[in-house]
Amino acid sequence: MISGGFKERGRTGVLRRPTRRTGRFEYRAVLPSESTAEGVEATLSEGVLCVKVFKAEAAKPRRSEIQAGE
């Protein structure tokens, strides 16, 4: 769950129409079953939140070499 809020900035002059949101928000997303809480990375840069969710080791595809028998 991601939650946060927008604060109203003090403004001077005449405001004809509000263009920014204010108040609290909450965002919930269902993660795939192969993801883990340990594999989550979040960064906040210039007001943009980026959340990366990595797959668990067991869920990653792997290659196995197959040798032909005689």
PDB file of N, CA and C in Angstrom:
ATOM      1  N   MET A   1       0.846  -1.168   0.000  1.00  0.00           N
ATOM      2  CA  MET A   1       0.000   0.000   0.000  1.00  0.00           C
ATOM      3  C   MET A   1       0.890   1.229   0.000  1.00  0.00           C
ATOM      4  N   ILE A   2       0.565   2.188  -0.813  1.00  0.00           N
ATOM      5  CA  ILE A   2       1.262   3.467  -0.874  1.00  0.00           C
ATOM      6  C   ILE A   2       0.270   4.522  -0.432  1.00  0.00           C
ATOM      7  N   SER A   3       0.670   5.363   0.521  1.00  0.00           N
ATOM      8  CA  SER A   3      -0.217   6.441   0.951  1.00  0.00           C
ATOM      9  C   SER A   3       0.600   7.708   1.125  1.00  0.00           C
ATOM     10  N   GLY A   4      -0.059   8.822   1.045  1.00  0.00           N
ATOM     11  CA  GLY A   4       0.620  10.109   1.179  1.00  0.00           C
ATOM     12  C   GLY A   4      -0.393  11.225   1.184  1.00  0.00           C
ATOM     13  N   GLY A   5       0.081  12.430   0.953  1.00  0.00           N
ATOM     14  CA  GLY A   5      -0.827  13.560   0.955  1.00  0.00           C
ATOM     15  C   GLY A   5      -0.268  14.728   0.177  1.00  0.00           C
ATOM     16  N   PHE A   6      -1.157  15.590  -0.250  1.00  0.00           N
ATOM     17  CA  PHE A   6      -0.802  16.817  -0.937  1.00  0.00           C
ATOM     18  C   PHE A   6      -1.134  17.976  -0.011  1.00  0.00           C
ATOM     19  N   LYS A   7      -0.173  18.862   0.182  1.00  0.00           N
ATOM     20  CA  LYS A   7      -0.421  20.040   1.012  1.00  0.00           C
ATOM     21  C   LYS A   7      -0.716  21.234   0.111  1.00  0.00           C
ATOM     22  N   GLU A   8      -1.599  22.091   0.592  1.00  0.00           N
ATOM     23  CA  GLU A   8      -1.917  23.294  -0.158  1.00  0.00           C
ATOM     24  C   GLU A   8      -0.842  24.334   0.115  1.00  0.00           C
ATOM     25  N   ARG A   9      -0.293  24.872  -0.945  1.00  0.00           N
ATOM     26  CA  ARG A   9       0.736  25.898  -0.794  1.00  0.00           C
ATOM     27  C   ARG A   9       0.086  27.263  -0.614  1.00  0.00           C
ATOM     28  N   GLY A  10       0.754  28.108   0.143  1.00  0.00           N
ATOM     29  CA  GLY A  10       0.262  29.471   0.297  1.00  0.00           C
ATOM     30  C   GLY A  10       0.418  30.228  -1.010  1.00  0.00           C
ATOM     31  N   ARG A  11      -0.614  30.871  -1.462  1.00  0.00           N
ATOM     32  CA  ARG A  11      -0.571  31.596  -2.735  1.00  0.00           C
ATOM     33  C   ARG A  11      -0.920  33.058  -2.498  1.00  0.00           C
ATOM     34  N   THR A  12      -0.384  33.863  -3.336  1.00  0.00           N
ATOM     35  CA  THR A  12      -0.711  35.284  -3.286  1.00  0.00           C
ATOM     36  C   THR A  12      -1.378  35.659  -4.597  1.00  0.00           C
ATOM     37  N   GLY A  13      -2.186  36.655  -4.564  1.00  0.00           N
ATOM     38  CA  GLY A  13      -2.868  37.089  -5.775  1.00  0.00           C
ATOM     39  C   GLY A  13      -4.241  36.457  -5.893  1.00  0.00           C
ATOM     40  N   VAL A  14      -4.794  36.521  -7.088  1.00  0.00           N
ATOM     41  CA  VAL A  14      -6.139  36.020  -7.353  1.00  0.00           C
ATOM     42  C   VAL A  14      -6.040  34.620  -7.946  1.00  0.00           C
ATOM     43  N   LEU A  15      -6.772  33.697  -7.357  1.00  0.00           N
ATOM     44  CA  LEU A  15      -6.827  32.328  -7.868  1.00  0.00           C
ATOM     45  C   LEU A  15      -8.203  32.125  -8.487  1.00  0.00           C
ATOM     46  N   ARG A  16      -8.239  32.028  -9.788  1.00  0.00           N
ATOM     47  CA  ARG A  16      -9.525  31.916 -10.480  1.00  0.00           C
ATOM     48  C   ARG A  16     -10.059  30.481 -10.486  1.00  0.00           C
ATOM     49  N   ARG A  17      -9.164  29.529 -10.562  1.00  0.00           N
ATOM     50  CA  ARG A  17      -9.597  28.133 -10.617  1.00  0.00           C
ATOM     51  C   ARG A  17      -8.508  27.258 -10.000  1.00  0.00           C
ATOM     52  N   PRO A  18      -8.869  26.428  -9.020  1.00  0.00           N
ATOM     53  CA  PRO A  18      -7.836  25.567  -8.426  1.00  0.00           C
ATOM     54  C   PRO A  18      -7.370  24.518  -9.434  1.00  0.00           C
ATOM     55  N   THR A  19      -6.056  24.346  -9.541  1.00  0.00           N
ATOM     56  CA  THR A  19      -5.510  23.400 -10.509  1.00  0.00           C
ATOM     57  C   THR A  19      -4.741  22.268  -9.847  1.00  0.00           C
ATOM     58  N   ARG A  20      -4.578  22.327  -8.558  1.00  0.00           N
ATOM     59  CA  ARG A  20      -3.816  21.293  -7.857  1.00  0.00           C
ATOM     60  C   ARG A  20      -4.717  20.576  -6.855  1.00  0.00           C
ATOM     61  N   ARG A  21      -4.452  19.282  -6.691  1.00  0.00           N
ATOM     62  CA  ARG A  21      -5.190  18.507  -5.691  1.00  0.00           C
ATOM     63  C   ARG A  21      -4.604  18.754  -4.312  1.00  0.00           C
ATOM     64  N   THR A  22      -5.445  18.612  -3.304  1.00  0.00           N
ATOM     65  CA  THR A  22      -4.987  18.669  -1.918  1.00  0.00           C
ATOM     66  C   THR A  22      -5.649  17.521  -1.172  1.00  0.00           C
ATOM     67  N   GLY A  23      -5.041  17.132  -0.062  1.00  0.00           N
ATOM     68  CA  GLY A  23      -5.619  16.068   0.748  1.00  0.00           C
ATOM     69  C   GLY A  23      -4.796  14.800   0.703  1.00  0.00           C
ATOM     70  N   ARG A  24      -5.344  13.748   1.282  1.00  0.00           N
ATOM     71  CA  ARG A  24      -4.640  12.465   1.383  1.00  0.00           C
ATOM     72  C   ARG A  24      -5.052  11.542   0.241  1.00  0.00           C
ATOM     73  N   PHE A  25      -4.173  10.605  -0.063  1.00  0.00           N
ATOM     74  CA  PHE A  25      -4.485   9.600  -1.064  1.00  0.00           C
ATOM     75  C   PHE A  25      -3.941   8.256  -0.604  1.00  0.00           C
ATOM     76  N   GLU A  26      -4.445   7.211  -1.218  1.00  0.00           N
ATOM     77  CA  GLU A  26      -4.007   5.854  -0.902  1.00  0.00           C
ATOM     78  C   GLU A  26      -4.108   5.030  -2.174  1.00  0.00           C
ATOM     79  N   TYR A  27      -3.077   4.248  -2.457  1.00  0.00           N
ATOM     80  CA  TYR A  27      -3.046   3.407  -3.647  1.00  0.00           C
ATOM     81  C   TYR A  27      -2.672   1.999  -3.229  1.00  0.00           C
ATOM     82  N   ARG A  28      -3.458   1.042  -3.664  1.00  0.00           N
ATOM     83  CA  ARG A  28      -3.189  -0.365  -3.357  1.00  0.00           C
ATOM     84  C   ARG A  28      -3.099  -1.132  -4.663  1.00  0.00           C
ATOM     85  N   ALA A  29      -2.161  -2.065  -4.703  1.00  0.00           N
ATOM     86  CA  ALA A  29      -2.000  -2.915  -5.880  1.00  0.00           C
ATOM     87  C   ALA A  29      -1.749  -4.342  -5.419  1.00  0.00           C
ATOM     88  N   VAL A  30      -2.293  -5.282  -6.142  1.00  0.00           N
ATOM     89  CA  VAL A  30      -2.060  -6.691  -5.848  1.00  0.00           C
ATOM     90  C   VAL A  30      -0.817  -7.112  -6.621  1.00  0.00           C
ATOM     91  N   LEU A  31       0.171  -7.629  -5.907  1.00  0.00           N
ATOM     92  CA  LEU A  31       1.415  -8.042  -6.538  1.00  0.00           C
ATOM     93  C   LEU A  31       1.318  -9.486  -7.005  1.00  0.00           C
ATOM     94  N   PRO A  32       2.071  -9.845  -8.035  1.00  0.00           N
ATOM     95  CA  PRO A  32       2.067 -11.240  -8.493  1.00  0.00           C
ATOM     96  C   PRO A  32       2.534 -12.178  -7.391  1.00  0.00           C
ATOM     97  N   SER A  33       2.080 -13.410  -7.435  1.00  0.00           N
ATOM     98  CA  SER A  33       2.415 -14.368  -6.377  1.00  0.00           C
ATOM     99  C   SER A  33       3.896 -14.702  -6.348  1.00  0.00           C
ATOM    100  N   GLU A  34       4.614 -14.539  -7.457  1.00  0.00           N
ATOM    101  CA  GLU A  34       6.033 -14.859  -7.465  1.00  0.00           C
ATOM    102  C   GLU A  34       6.919 -13.725  -6.952  1.00  0.00           C
ATOM    103  N   SER A  35       6.343 -12.623  -6.497  1.00  0.00           N
ATOM    104  CA  SER A  35       7.136 -11.524  -5.936  1.00  0.00           C
ATOM    105  C   SER A  35       7.226 -11.664  -4.415  1.00  0.00           C
ATOM    106  N   THR A  36       8.253 -11.034  -3.841  1.00  0.00           N
ATOM    107  CA  THR A  36       8.447 -11.078  -2.391  1.00  0.00           C
ATOM    108  C   THR A  36       8.606  -9.664  -1.858  1.00  0.00           C
ATOM    109  N   ALA A  37       8.341  -9.483  -0.591  1.00  0.00           N
ATOM    110  CA  ALA A  37       8.490  -8.168   0.034  1.00  0.00           C
ATOM    111  C   ALA A  37       9.951  -7.740   0.065  1.00  0.00           C
ATOM    112  N   GLU A  38      10.880  -8.701   0.114  1.00  0.00           N
ATOM    113  CA  GLU A  38      12.302  -8.372   0.134  1.00  0.00           C
ATOM    114  C   GLU A  38      12.764  -7.848  -1.225  1.00  0.00           C
ATOM    115  N   GLY A  39      12.025  -8.143  -2.269  1.00  0.00           N
ATOM    116  CA  GLY A  39      12.411  -7.725  -3.610  1.00  0.00           C
ATOM    117  C   GLY A  39      11.733  -6.452  -4.064  1.00  0.00           C
ATOM    118  N   VAL A  40      11.488  -5.512  -3.165  1.00  0.00           N
ATOM    119  CA  VAL A  40      10.836  -4.252  -3.513  1.00  0.00           C
ATOM    120  C   VAL A  40      11.829  -3.115  -3.329  1.00  0.00           C
ATOM    121  N   GLU A  41      11.898  -2.248  -4.336  1.00  0.00           N
ATOM    122  CA  GLU A  41      12.785  -1.088  -4.282  1.00  0.00           C
ATOM    123  C   GLU A  41      11.963   0.138  -4.666  1.00  0.00           C
ATOM    124  N   ALA A  42      12.016   1.188  -3.864  1.00  0.00           N
ATOM    125  CA  ALA A  42      11.239   2.392  -4.148  1.00  0.00           C
ATOM    126  C   ALA A  42      12.139   3.613  -4.093  1.00  0.00           C
ATOM    127  N   THR A  43      11.956   4.530  -5.060  1.00  0.00           N
ATOM    128  CA  THR A  43      12.705   5.783  -5.084  1.00  0.00           C
ATOM    129  C   THR A  43      11.731   6.929  -5.334  1.00  0.00           C
ATOM    130  N   LEU A  44      12.052   8.086  -4.778  1.00  0.00           N
ATOM    131  CA  LEU A  44      11.260   9.295  -4.980  1.00  0.00           C
ATOM    132  C   LEU A  44      12.189  10.353  -5.541  1.00  0.00           C
ATOM    133  N   SER A  45      11.914  10.804  -6.762  1.00  0.00           N
ATOM    134  CA  SER A  45      12.764  11.787  -7.417  1.00  0.00           C
ATOM    135  C   SER A  45      11.894  12.821  -8.113  1.00  0.00           C
ATOM    136  N   GLU A  46      12.060  14.071  -7.761  1.00  0.00           N
ATOM    137  CA  GLU A  46      11.320  15.187  -8.356  1.00  0.00           C
ATOM    138  C   GLU A  46       9.810  14.972  -8.294  1.00  0.00           C
ATOM    139  N   GLY A  47       9.347  14.428  -7.181  1.00  0.00           N
ATOM    140  CA  GLY A  47       7.920  14.226  -6.979  1.00  0.00           C
ATOM    141  C   GLY A  47       7.342  12.987  -7.640  1.00  0.00           C
ATOM    142  N   VAL A  48       8.191  12.162  -8.259  1.00  0.00           N
ATOM    143  CA  VAL A  48       7.724  10.945  -8.931  1.00  0.00           C
ATOM    144  C   VAL A  48       8.189   9.738  -8.132  1.00  0.00           C
ATOM    145  N   LEU A  49       7.247   8.910  -7.713  1.00  0.00           N
ATOM    146  CA  LEU A  49       7.555   7.694  -6.971  1.00  0.00           C
ATOM    147  C   LEU A  49       7.676   6.539  -7.955  1.00  0.00           C
ATOM    148  N   CYS A  50       8.801   5.844  -7.907  1.00  0.00           N
ATOM    149  CA  CYS A  50       9.042   4.684  -8.768  1.00  0.00           C
ATOM    150  C   CYS A  50       9.199   3.464  -7.870  1.00  0.00           C
ATOM    151  N   VAL A  51       8.343   2.470  -8.052  1.00  0.00           N
ATOM    152  CA  VAL A  51       8.383   1.249  -7.255  1.00  0.00           C
ATOM    153  C   VAL A  51       8.712   0.087  -8.183  1.00  0.00           C
ATOM    154  N   LYS A  52       9.788  -0.636  -7.865  1.00  0.00           N
ATOM    155  CA  LYS A  52      10.184  -1.814  -8.640  1.00  0.00           C
ATOM    156  C   LYS A  52       9.977  -3.043  -7.773  1.00  0.00           C
ATOM    157  N   VAL A  53       9.330  -4.052  -8.334  1.00  0.00           N
ATOM    158  CA  VAL A  53       9.088  -5.308  -7.631  1.00  0.00           C
ATOM    159  C   VAL A  53       9.787  -6.410  -8.423  1.00  0.00           C
ATOM    160  N   PHE A  54      10.704  -7.095  -7.772  1.00  0.00           N
ATOM    161  CA  PHE A  54      11.483  -8.128  -8.436  1.00  0.00           C
ATOM    162  C   PHE A  54      10.902  -9.507  -8.137  1.00  0.00           C
ATOM    163  N   LYS A  55      11.115 -10.431  -9.059  1.00  0.00           N
ATOM    164  CA  LYS A  55      10.653 -11.805  -8.867  1.00  0.00           C
ATOM    165  C   LYS A  55      11.536 -12.515  -7.853  1.00  0.00           C
ATOM    166  N   ALA A  56      10.948 -13.463  -7.157  1.00  0.00           N
ATOM    167  CA  ALA A  56      11.714 -14.300  -6.236  1.00  0.00           C
ATOM    168  C   ALA A  56      12.645 -15.192  -7.056  1.00  0.00           C
ATOM    169  N   GLU A  57      13.719 -15.642  -6.451  1.00  0.00           N
ATOM    170  CA  GLU A  57      14.699 -16.464  -7.161  1.00  0.00           C
ATOM    171  C   GLU A  57      14.080 -17.715  -7.776  1.00  0.00           C
ATOM    172  N   ALA A  58      13.185 -18.368  -7.085  1.00  0.00           N
ATOM    173  CA  ALA A  58      12.582 -19.606  -7.589  1.00  0.00           C
ATOM    174  C   ALA A  58      11.708 -19.354  -8.815  1.00  0.00           C
ATOM    175  N   ALA A  59      11.204 -18.145  -8.976  1.00  0.00           N
ATOM    176  CA  ALA A  59      10.288 -17.854 -10.067  1.00  0.00           C
ATOM    177  C   ALA A  59      11.005 -17.434 -11.351  1.00  0.00           C
ATOM    178  N   LYS A  60      12.298 -17.136 -11.293  1.00  0.00           N
ATOM    179  CA  LYS A  60      13.020 -16.699 -12.477  1.00  0.00           C
ATOM    180  C   LYS A  60      13.265 -17.884 -13.409  1.00  0.00           C
ATOM    181  N   PRO A  61      13.122 -17.655 -14.722  1.00  0.00           N
ATOM    182  CA  PRO A  61      13.389 -18.748 -15.657  1.00  0.00           C
ATOM    183  C   PRO A  61      14.878 -19.075 -15.676  1.00  0.00           C
ATOM    184  N   ARG A  62      15.200 -20.309 -15.960  1.00  0.00           N
ATOM    185  CA  ARG A  62      16.604 -20.699 -16.024  1.00  0.00           C
ATOM    186  C   ARG A  62      16.794 -21.655 -17.194  1.00  0.00           C
ATOM    187  N   ARG A  63      18.020 -21.733 -17.646  1.00  0.00           N
ATOM    188  CA  ARG A  63      18.352 -22.619 -18.757  1.00  0.00           C
ATOM    189  C   ARG A  63      19.134 -23.799 -18.217  1.00  0.00           C
ATOM    190  N   SER A  64      18.812 -24.964 -18.723  1.00  0.00           N
ATOM    191  CA  SER A  64      19.540 -26.180 -18.367  1.00  0.00           C
ATOM    192  C   SER A  64      20.063 -26.803 -19.650  1.00  0.00           C
ATOM    193  N   GLU A  65      21.317 -27.182 -19.629  1.00  0.00           N
ATOM    194  CA  GLU A  65      21.904 -27.811 -20.805  1.00  0.00           C
ATOM    195  C   GLU A  65      21.532 -29.288 -20.807  1.00  0.00           C
ATOM    196  N   ILE A  66      21.047 -29.747 -21.935  1.00  0.00           N
ATOM    197  CA  ILE A  66      20.641 -31.145 -22.068  1.00  0.00           C
ATOM    198  C   ILE A  66      21.627 -31.838 -22.998  1.00  0.00           C
ATOM    199  N   GLN A  67      22.166 -32.935 -22.543  1.00  0.00           N
ATOM    200  CA  GLN A  67      23.128 -33.683 -23.347  1.00  0.00           C
ATOM    201  C   GLN A  67      22.456 -34.944 -23.874  1.00  0.00           C
ATOM    202  N   ALA A  68      22.735 -35.241 -25.136  1.00  0.00           N
ATOM    203  CA  ALA A  68      22.150 -36.427 -25.767  1.00  0.00           C
ATOM    204  C   ALA A  68      22.896 -37.671 -25.308  1.00  0.00           C
ATOM    205  N   GLY A  69      22.158 -38.708 -25.006  1.00  0.00           N
ATOM    206  CA  GLY A  69      22.759 -39.979 -24.609  1.00  0.00           C
ATOM    207  C   GLY A  69      23.067 -40.839 -25.831  1.00  0.00           C
ATOM    208  N   GLU A  70      23.787 -41.902 -25.650  1.00  0.00           N
ATOM    209  CA  GLU A  70      24.135 -42.792 -26.766  1.00  0.00           C
ATOM    210  C   GLU A  70      23.034 -43.757 -27.079  1.00  0.00           C
TER     211      GLU A  70
END
